[in-house]
Amino acid sequence: MVAEVEISLNAVVNVIWDRGRRILYFTAVSMFLGMLATFIVHNRYESHALLLMNKSRLGEETMKNPAIPMDTYVTMVTADDVMQDMIQKYGLRESPYNLRYPNDMRGRVQVYYLMGSSYLSISVVLEDPTLAANVANDLAEQTITKNRELMADEKKSSQQLITEEVNKIKLRQDQYKEDYLNLLLKNNKLVLMKELDTNQTILATLRQEEETLDNSIREQEEKMVKFKALFFDPQFDRHPDFQKIIPVWKSIFSDNASMELVKQATGNVDFQDMAQMGIHDEMLNTGYITLLQEYSKLQVDLPSLIAKQVRTASRIAEVEAKVEEQNKTFNKMDVAETEAKANYDRELEVYSGIYKDLGWAGTTISSERQDLILSNKAIPIKKKIWPRRSIIIALVGLVAFLMSLMYFLLADLYGMLHSGIWTKKEIKTET
């Protein structure tokens, strides 16, 4: 058997209606107390200062978007030292402000970047509108001052870094210059060039001498062939002009002296009978002797010329090797000097360019930060932003109504349950 409890809806309505006055009374009292509380709370007023973020005058390039994150400027405005300075300067520890720590003051300051613009807004909420405007303007001025100091420090740091880098480049340039000059002294190319010119002159002379020897040897070899053909020809008897001894026949009357000598010796002589009288003699062939001497001289001179040609060729090969080695050395020196000179010129160009534009380079590095300009000063606005009495009273009334409704409803329902007001109906079920 299961007992089923039925709740009468009319009974619930009657309870709510019966308790309505209590609920309304509690709600009205709560709203009245809430209204009194709003009078106790001090009014708060808000003032706005507007900063314009402009490109840095230290830089050369116009930046489309700020390079420094916006949170940097927000942190700059709400830094602990700035907040503490505001509390101390404007006596915000006293009532009605009661701001003792930077976090307390930070809760009254709002800094935000206006999207789609170059403005930074600083809002201050205080119980005095004039004081709120003064604090907002003071925060803006301090932010501008601090930003300028940071920019100056960054510029100084940038200049120092650039100076250090330029000094490094200058040292490197001086080192390249010293290496280049030392290489020139070490190579001593003037001496090598003189030696090379001397050897090239010797080589040219030897080649001319070799050419002369070649022509002389070729000419004498041709003569040797002709002489051999002349002196060793099997038909040698056909060349009587070249016999060593040649016969000479001379008529007795071939000259006047001979005729007078015969007349004195013989007296009366019939010269017709002596027409065939003559003297036969043999004498050396001077032409043959001359050719034989020349042939003998050729036989001696030709081996000497050939040996001299061999020595000259060997000397030429030696000088050529030396000239080739000197040319290679000279080329290596040229390459090394060219490379050293190129390194020196490159470093000199880099150093000269950076040194010339040193000021521009230093300011360009500092151009990432924005200049801050006070665009709109904060003015006292006497329209309070806190407390909003109507909203507070409405919220208090709503909460009081809901709480009283829940309390009385639950309390009455609980009491009715124990007082027997509920009707009970037993339902029999087969077990």
Protein backbone atom coordinates (compact mmCIF):
# COMPACT_ATOMS: atom_id res chain seq x y z
CA MET A 1 0.00 0.00 0.00
CA VAL A 2 1.47 3.38 -1.09
CA ALA A 3 0.34 6.76 0.39
CA GLU A 4 -0.10 9.52 -2.20
CA VAL A 5 0.07 13.15 -1.00
CA GLU A 6 -1.94 15.70 -2.95
CA ILE A 7 -1.06 19.41 -2.77
CA SER A 8 -3.88 21.85 -3.32
CA LEU A 9 -2.96 24.68 -5.70
CA ASN A 10 -5.61 26.89 -4.14
CA ALA A 11 -3.97 26.41 -0.78
CA VAL A 12 -0.63 27.56 -2.22
CA VAL A 13 -2.24 30.65 -3.76
CA ASN A 14 -3.98 31.45 -0.54
CA VAL A 15 -0.70 31.19 1.36
CA ILE A 16 1.06 33.51 -1.07
CA TRP A 17 -1.78 35.99 -0.98
CA ASP A 18 -1.96 35.81 2.77
CA ARG A 19 1.75 36.46 3.05
CA GLY A 20 1.83 39.11 0.31
CA ARG A 21 1.81 41.97 2.69
CA ARG A 22 4.80 40.56 4.52
CA ILE A 23 6.70 40.13 1.27
CA LEU A 24 5.86 43.62 0.07
CA TYR A 25 6.70 45.10 3.43
CA PHE A 26 10.11 43.38 3.50
CA THR A 27 10.79 44.46 -0.05
CA ALA A 28 9.84 48.07 0.64
CA VAL A 29 11.96 48.20 3.77
CA SER A 30 14.94 46.72 1.90
CA MET A 31 14.59 49.26 -0.90
CA PHE A 32 14.42 52.08 1.62
CA LEU A 33 17.51 50.86 3.39
CA GLY A 34 19.28 50.53 0.02
CA MET A 35 18.35 54.09 -0.79
CA LEU A 36 19.76 55.25 2.52
CA ALA A 37 22.95 53.30 1.79
CA THR A 38 23.38 55.14 -1.51
CA PHE A 39 23.30 58.42 0.35
CA ILE A 40 26.03 57.20 2.65
CA VAL A 41 28.28 56.17 -0.30
CA HIS A 42 30.28 59.08 -1.69
CA ASN A 43 29.63 60.14 -5.24
CA ARG A 44 32.35 59.42 -7.78
CA TYR A 45 33.19 61.37 -10.90
CA GLU A 46 35.23 60.44 -13.96
CA SER A 47 37.57 62.59 -16.06
CA HIS A 48 39.37 61.66 -19.32
CA ALA A 49 42.70 62.85 -20.72
CA LEU A 50 43.52 61.95 -24.30
CA LEU A 51 47.06 61.35 -25.59
CA LEU A 52 47.93 61.37 -29.28
CA MET A 53 50.49 58.76 -30.29
CA ASN A 54 52.59 60.22 -33.08
CA LYS A 55 55.56 58.75 -34.92
CA SER A 56 58.86 59.43 -33.26
CA ARG A 57 60.73 62.54 -34.41
CA LEU A 58 63.93 60.63 -33.75
CA GLY A 59 63.30 58.30 -36.64
CA GLU A 60 63.36 58.62 -40.38
CA GLU A 61 60.63 56.17 -41.35
CA THR A 62 56.88 56.52 -40.83
CA MET A 63 55.51 53.40 -39.20
CA LYS A 64 52.07 52.16 -40.11
CA ASN A 65 51.59 50.49 -36.73
CA PRO A 66 53.42 51.13 -33.46
CA ALA A 67 56.35 48.81 -33.01
CA ILE A 68 56.19 49.05 -29.21
CA PRO A 69 53.24 47.00 -27.82
CA MET A 70 50.43 49.08 -26.44
CA ASP A 71 50.64 47.30 -23.08
CA THR A 72 53.97 49.05 -22.63
CA TYR A 73 52.28 52.45 -22.50
CA VAL A 74 49.50 51.16 -20.26
CA THR A 75 52.09 49.80 -17.84
CA MET A 76 53.96 53.08 -18.03
CA VAL A 77 50.87 55.04 -16.90
CA THR A 78 49.91 52.64 -14.10
CA ALA A 79 53.38 51.87 -12.78
CA ASP A 80 53.68 51.52 -9.00
CA ASP A 81 55.91 54.56 -8.61
CA VAL A 82 53.47 56.72 -10.59
CA MET A 83 50.47 55.50 -8.57
CA GLN A 84 52.29 56.05 -5.29
CA ASP A 85 53.30 59.53 -6.40
CA MET A 86 49.66 60.42 -7.20
CA ILE A 87 48.49 59.19 -3.79
CA GLN A 88 51.17 61.18 -2.02
CA LYS A 89 50.83 64.30 -4.15
CA TYR A 90 47.03 64.67 -3.93
CA GLY A 91 46.49 63.29 -0.41
CA LEU A 92 44.38 60.37 -1.55
CA ARG A 93 45.04 58.46 1.66
CA GLU A 94 42.52 60.67 3.43
CA SER A 95 38.77 60.24 3.47
CA PRO A 96 36.73 59.96 1.32
CA TYR A 97 39.34 58.40 -0.98
CA ASN A 98 41.13 56.05 1.42
CA LEU A 99 43.68 54.97 -1.21
CA ARG A 100 46.76 53.64 0.51
CA TYR A 101 48.51 51.32 -1.95
CA PRO A 102 49.31 51.43 -5.69
CA ASN A 103 46.73 48.70 -6.36
CA ASP A 104 44.05 50.84 -4.71
CA MET A 105 44.91 53.75 -6.97
CA ARG A 106 45.24 51.48 -9.99
CA GLY A 107 41.60 50.45 -9.47
CA ARG A 108 40.59 54.08 -10.01
CA VAL A 109 42.64 54.51 -13.23
CA GLN A 110 41.78 53.03 -16.59
CA VAL A 111 44.13 53.25 -19.59
CA TYR A 112 43.14 51.90 -22.97
CA TYR A 113 44.01 52.28 -26.63
CA LEU A 114 41.22 53.51 -28.88
CA MET A 115 41.01 50.91 -31.62
CA GLY A 116 41.36 52.20 -35.15
CA SER A 117 43.01 55.41 -33.99
CA SER A 118 46.27 56.73 -32.57
CA TYR A 119 44.82 57.85 -29.24
CA LEU A 120 45.54 56.64 -25.74
CA SER A 121 42.83 57.41 -23.17
CA ILE A 122 43.52 57.91 -19.45
CA SER A 123 40.45 57.85 -17.21
CA VAL A 124 40.48 58.65 -13.47
CA VAL A 125 37.54 58.06 -11.12
CA LEU A 126 37.52 60.01 -7.82
CA GLU A 127 35.05 61.50 -5.40
CA ASP A 128 35.97 65.05 -6.49
CA PRO A 129 35.53 65.90 -10.23
CA THR A 130 38.17 68.64 -10.15
CA LEU A 131 40.66 66.39 -8.44
CA ALA A 132 39.90 63.60 -10.92
CA ALA A 133 40.65 65.96 -13.82
CA ASN A 134 43.87 67.16 -12.19
CA VAL A 135 45.06 63.60 -11.57
CA ALA A 136 44.23 62.57 -15.16
CA ASN A 137 46.16 65.52 -16.58
CA ASP A 138 49.06 64.90 -14.22
CA LEU A 139 49.20 61.24 -15.25
CA ALA A 140 49.23 62.29 -18.90
CA GLU A 141 52.08 64.76 -18.33
CA GLN A 142 54.11 62.26 -16.32
CA THR A 143 53.57 59.64 -19.02
CA ILE A 144 54.79 62.05 -21.70
CA THR A 145 57.83 62.96 -19.60
CA LYS A 146 58.68 59.34 -18.84
CA ASN A 147 58.26 58.39 -22.50
CA ARG A 148 60.67 61.15 -23.53
CA GLU A 149 63.18 59.98 -20.94
CA LEU A 150 62.88 56.42 -22.20
CA MET A 151 63.34 57.60 -25.78
CA ALA A 152 66.41 59.59 -24.78
CA ASP A 153 67.80 56.58 -22.92
CA GLU A 154 67.08 54.33 -25.89
CA LYS A 155 68.72 56.79 -28.23
CA LYS A 156 71.76 57.02 -25.98
CA SER A 157 71.92 53.26 -25.71
CA SER A 158 71.49 52.92 -29.46
CA GLN A 159 74.23 55.45 -30.11
CA GLN A 160 76.49 53.62 -27.71
CA LEU A 161 75.79 50.29 -29.37
CA ILE A 162 76.39 51.77 -32.81
CA THR A 163 79.59 53.41 -31.62
CA GLU A 164 80.78 50.07 -30.31
CA GLU A 165 79.91 48.38 -33.58
CA VAL A 166 81.59 51.14 -35.57
CA ASN A 167 84.70 50.80 -33.43
CA LYS A 168 84.69 47.05 -34.10
CA ILE A 169 84.42 47.73 -37.82
CA LYS A 170 87.18 50.34 -37.54
CA LEU A 171 89.45 47.85 -35.77
CA ARG A 172 88.65 45.25 -38.41
CA GLN A 173 89.33 47.77 -41.16
CA ASP A 174 92.67 48.73 -39.57
CA GLN A 175 93.57 45.06 -39.29
CA TYR A 176 92.77 44.46 -42.97
CA LYS A 177 94.81 47.52 -43.89
CA GLU A 178 97.76 46.32 -41.82
CA ASP A 179 97.50 42.83 -43.33
CA TYR A 180 97.46 44.31 -46.83
CA LEU A 181 100.50 46.53 -46.22
CA ASN A 182 102.40 43.69 -44.55
CA LEU A 183 101.62 41.47 -47.51
CA LEU A 184 102.98 44.10 -49.89
CA LEU A 185 106.20 44.32 -47.88
CA LYS A 186 106.46 40.56 -47.63
CA ASN A 187 105.94 39.96 -51.33
CA ASN A 188 108.44 42.65 -52.39
CA LYS A 189 107.11 42.44 -55.93
CA LEU A 190 109.50 45.09 -57.29
CA VAL A 191 112.49 42.79 -56.76
CA LEU A 192 110.59 39.86 -58.19
CA MET A 193 109.53 41.93 -61.20
CA LYS A 194 113.15 42.93 -61.87
CA GLU A 195 114.29 39.32 -61.62
CA LEU A 196 111.44 38.25 -63.88
CA ASP A 197 112.29 40.93 -66.45
CA THR A 198 115.96 39.90 -66.36
CA ASN A 199 115.12 36.23 -66.84
CA GLN A 200 112.71 37.04 -69.66
CA THR A 201 115.45 39.09 -71.36
CA ILE A 202 117.91 36.20 -70.93
CA LEU A 203 115.32 33.79 -72.27
CA ALA A 204 114.69 35.95 -75.34
CA THR A 205 118.46 36.20 -75.97
CA LEU A 206 118.92 32.43 -75.60
CA ARG A 207 116.05 31.73 -77.97
CA GLN A 208 117.56 34.09 -80.54
CA GLU A 209 120.93 32.43 -80.08
CA GLU A 210 119.30 29.01 -80.45
CA GLU A 211 117.64 30.13 -83.65
CA THR A 212 121.00 31.40 -84.96
CA LEU A 213 122.66 28.10 -84.03
CA ASP A 214 119.90 26.16 -85.74
CA ASN A 215 120.42 28.15 -88.93
CA SER A 216 124.22 27.80 -88.75
CA ILE A 217 124.04 24.04 -88.12
CA ARG A 218 121.54 23.57 -90.92
CA GLU A 219 123.76 25.59 -93.31
CA GLN A 220 126.94 23.73 -92.36
CA GLU A 221 125.21 20.35 -92.59
CA GLU A 222 124.22 21.24 -96.16
CA LYS A 223 127.83 22.22 -96.90
CA MET A 224 129.06 18.97 -95.37
CA VAL A 225 126.81 17.00 -97.68
CA LYS A 226 128.17 18.87 -100.69
CA PHE A 227 131.77 18.49 -99.58
CA LYS A 228 131.31 14.77 -99.01
CA ALA A 229 129.80 14.44 -102.44
CA LEU A 230 132.75 16.42 -103.87
CA PHE A 231 135.66 14.68 -102.17
CA PHE A 232 134.30 11.17 -102.13
CA ASP A 233 132.72 11.06 -105.57
CA PRO A 234 133.69 7.80 -107.42
CA GLN A 235 134.15 9.89 -110.59
CA PHE A 236 136.70 12.06 -108.87
CA ASP A 237 138.94 12.17 -112.01
CA ARG A 238 136.29 14.16 -113.74
CA HIS A 239 137.12 17.07 -111.54
CA PRO A 240 140.71 17.93 -112.46
CA ASP A 241 140.34 21.36 -111.06
CA PHE A 242 140.19 19.80 -107.61
CA GLN A 243 143.25 17.54 -107.86
CA LYS A 244 145.80 18.19 -105.17
CA ILE A 245 148.69 18.56 -107.75
CA ILE A 246 148.01 19.74 -111.30
CA PRO A 247 150.46 19.69 -114.35
CA VAL A 248 151.54 23.03 -115.82
CA TRP A 249 152.99 23.42 -119.38
CA LYS A 250 154.57 26.67 -120.33
CA SER A 251 156.08 27.62 -123.79
CA ILE A 252 159.65 28.84 -123.73
CA PHE A 253 158.57 31.84 -125.68
CA SER A 254 155.70 32.58 -123.61
CA ASP A 255 157.52 35.55 -122.23
CA ASN A 256 160.34 37.89 -123.44
CA ALA A 257 162.70 36.97 -120.66
CA SER A 258 162.82 33.36 -121.78
CA MET A 259 163.46 34.30 -125.38
CA GLU A 260 166.39 36.56 -124.52
CA LEU A 261 167.88 33.83 -122.38
CA VAL A 262 167.82 31.36 -125.33
CA LYS A 263 169.36 33.86 -127.68
CA GLN A 264 172.32 34.48 -125.44
CA ALA A 265 172.85 30.81 -124.81
CA THR A 266 172.59 29.43 -128.38
CA GLY A 267 173.56 32.22 -130.62
CA ASN A 268 171.94 31.90 -133.99
CA VAL A 269 168.97 29.65 -133.51
CA ASP A 270 166.13 28.91 -135.79
CA PHE A 271 163.20 29.77 -133.73
CA GLN A 272 160.83 27.98 -136.02
CA ASP A 273 162.41 24.71 -135.02
CA MET A 274 161.93 25.59 -131.42
CA ALA A 275 158.28 26.44 -131.79
CA GLN A 276 157.34 23.34 -129.87
CA MET A 277 159.86 23.82 -127.17
CA GLY A 278 158.36 24.26 -123.75
CA ILE A 279 158.67 23.58 -120.00
CA HIS A 280 156.46 21.10 -118.19
CA ASP A 281 155.97 21.46 -114.40
CA GLU A 282 153.56 20.43 -111.62
CA MET A 283 152.19 22.72 -108.88
CA LEU A 284 149.74 22.58 -105.96
CA ASN A 285 146.05 23.41 -106.61
CA THR A 286 145.38 26.31 -104.28
CA GLY A 287 141.62 26.05 -104.77
CA TYR A 288 141.74 22.42 -103.69
CA ILE A 289 143.74 23.33 -100.60
CA THR A 290 141.27 26.07 -99.72
CA LEU A 291 138.27 23.77 -100.05
CA LEU A 292 140.03 21.06 -98.08
CA GLN A 293 140.78 23.52 -95.30
CA GLU A 294 137.20 24.67 -95.29
CA TYR A 295 135.94 21.09 -95.21
CA SER A 296 138.29 20.27 -92.33
CA LYS A 297 137.08 23.32 -90.48
CA LEU A 298 133.46 22.25 -91.00
CA GLN A 299 134.26 18.84 -89.60
CA VAL A 300 135.59 20.49 -86.44
CA ASP A 301 133.03 23.33 -86.09
CA LEU A 302 129.86 21.32 -86.71
CA PRO A 303 130.10 19.08 -83.56
CA SER A 304 130.99 22.16 -81.55
CA LEU A 305 127.92 23.98 -82.82
CA ILE A 306 125.71 20.96 -82.08
CA ALA A 307 127.09 20.74 -78.53
CA LYS A 308 126.53 24.45 -78.07
CA GLN A 309 122.95 24.01 -79.35
CA VAL A 310 122.37 21.28 -76.76
CA ARG A 311 123.73 23.48 -73.98
CA THR A 312 121.65 26.41 -75.18
CA ALA A 313 118.48 24.26 -75.27
CA SER A 314 119.19 23.04 -71.74
CA ARG A 315 119.77 26.59 -70.56
CA ILE A 316 116.55 27.70 -72.25
CA ALA A 317 114.59 24.94 -70.51
CA GLU A 318 116.12 25.94 -67.18
CA VAL A 319 115.33 29.64 -67.65
CA GLU A 320 111.81 28.83 -68.90
CA ALA A 321 111.13 26.76 -65.78
CA LYS A 322 112.41 29.57 -63.61
CA VAL A 323 110.32 32.16 -65.47
CA GLU A 324 107.23 29.95 -65.19
CA GLU A 325 107.80 29.49 -61.47
CA GLN A 326 108.29 33.24 -61.03
CA ASN A 327 105.10 33.92 -63.00
CA LYS A 328 103.15 31.52 -60.78
CA THR A 329 104.60 33.16 -57.69
CA PHE A 330 103.78 36.56 -59.13
CA ASN A 331 100.20 35.46 -59.89
CA LYS A 332 99.78 34.05 -56.38
CA MET A 333 101.02 37.33 -54.97
CA ASP A 334 98.59 39.21 -57.21
CA VAL A 335 95.67 37.06 -56.05
CA ALA A 336 96.62 37.38 -52.37
CA GLU A 337 97.15 41.13 -52.67
CA THR A 338 93.90 41.57 -54.62
CA GLU A 339 91.97 39.64 -51.98
CA ALA A 340 93.60 41.58 -49.16
CA LYS A 341 92.95 44.86 -50.96
CA ALA A 342 89.31 43.87 -51.60
CA ASN A 343 88.82 43.04 -47.91
CA TYR A 344 90.36 46.33 -46.92
CA ASP A 345 88.29 48.31 -49.46
CA ARG A 346 85.08 46.59 -48.38
CA GLU A 347 85.69 47.27 -44.69
CA LEU A 348 86.70 50.84 -45.49
CA GLU A 349 83.50 51.35 -47.47
CA VAL A 350 81.36 49.88 -44.67
CA TYR A 351 83.11 51.95 -42.05
CA SER A 352 82.91 55.15 -44.10
CA GLY A 353 79.20 54.66 -44.79
CA ILE A 354 78.30 53.90 -41.19
CA TYR A 355 80.48 56.68 -39.84
CA LYS A 356 78.91 59.13 -42.24
CA ASP A 357 75.36 58.12 -41.29
CA LEU A 358 76.07 57.46 -37.63
CA GLY A 359 73.57 60.03 -36.37
CA TRP A 360 70.84 58.82 -38.73
CA ALA A 361 71.47 55.21 -37.78
CA GLY A 362 71.19 55.99 -34.08
CA THR A 363 67.88 57.81 -34.47
CA THR A 364 66.45 55.16 -36.74
CA ILE A 365 66.97 52.50 -34.09
CA SER A 366 65.05 54.67 -31.60
CA SER A 367 62.11 55.17 -33.98
CA GLU A 368 60.20 52.18 -32.68
CA ARG A 369 58.78 54.19 -29.78
CA GLN A 370 55.93 56.65 -30.25
CA ASP A 371 55.91 60.31 -29.29
CA LEU A 372 53.08 61.10 -26.86
CA ILE A 373 51.27 64.43 -27.19
CA LEU A 374 48.56 65.67 -24.84
CA SER A 375 45.70 66.08 -27.28
CA ASN A 376 42.76 66.76 -24.93
CA LYS A 377 43.17 67.82 -21.32
CA ALA A 378 40.85 66.38 -18.73
CA ILE A 379 38.19 68.76 -17.42
CA PRO A 380 36.00 68.38 -14.31
CA ILE A 381 32.74 66.62 -15.11
CA LYS A 382 30.19 66.88 -12.30
CA LYS A 383 28.04 64.11 -13.63
CA LYS A 384 28.49 61.32 -11.15
CA ILE A 385 29.10 57.80 -12.38
CA TRP A 386 28.71 56.16 -8.96
CA PRO A 387 26.48 55.35 -7.20
CA ARG A 388 23.53 54.87 -9.59
CA ARG A 389 20.74 55.09 -7.00
CA SER A 390 17.86 54.00 -9.19
CA ILE A 391 19.66 50.90 -10.35
CA ILE A 392 20.88 50.05 -6.85
CA ILE A 393 17.37 50.49 -5.34
CA ALA A 394 15.84 48.38 -8.08
CA LEU A 395 18.35 45.62 -7.62
CA VAL A 396 17.95 45.66 -3.82
CA GLY A 397 14.17 45.52 -4.17
CA LEU A 398 14.34 42.62 -6.60
CA VAL A 399 16.69 40.64 -4.41
CA ALA A 400 14.60 41.38 -1.29
CA PHE A 401 11.42 40.32 -3.04
CA LEU A 402 12.88 37.05 -4.22
CA MET A 403 14.43 36.26 -0.87
CA SER A 404 11.23 37.05 1.10
CA LEU A 405 9.14 35.10 -1.35
CA MET A 406 11.33 32.05 -1.03
CA TYR A 407 11.48 32.32 2.74
CA PHE A 408 7.78 32.72 3.40
CA LEU A 409 6.84 30.20 0.77
CA LEU A 410 9.07 27.50 2.15
CA ALA A 411 8.21 28.31 5.77
CA ASP A 412 4.45 28.20 5.15
CA LEU A 413 4.63 25.05 3.10
CA TYR A 414 6.65 23.36 5.80
CA GLY A 415 4.16 24.48 8.48
CA MET A 416 1.15 23.34 6.46
CA LEU A 417 2.72 19.96 5.96
CA HIS A 418 3.03 19.37 9.70
CA SER A 419 -0.33 20.95 10.68
CA GLY A 420 -2.45 18.51 8.67
CA ILE A 421 -3.79 20.96 6.17
CA TRP A 422 -2.70 18.65 3.36
CA THR A 423 -5.26 16.00 2.37
CA LYS A 424 -3.99 12.49 2.45
CA LYS A 425 -5.41 9.82 0.23
CA GLU A 426 -4.53 6.25 0.62
CA ILE A 427 -4.38 4.15 -2.43
CA LYS A 428 -4.64 0.47 -2.01
CA THR A 429 -2.62 -1.61 -4.29
CA GLU A 430 -2.46 -5.32 -4.64
CA THR A 431 0.69 -6.71 -3.36
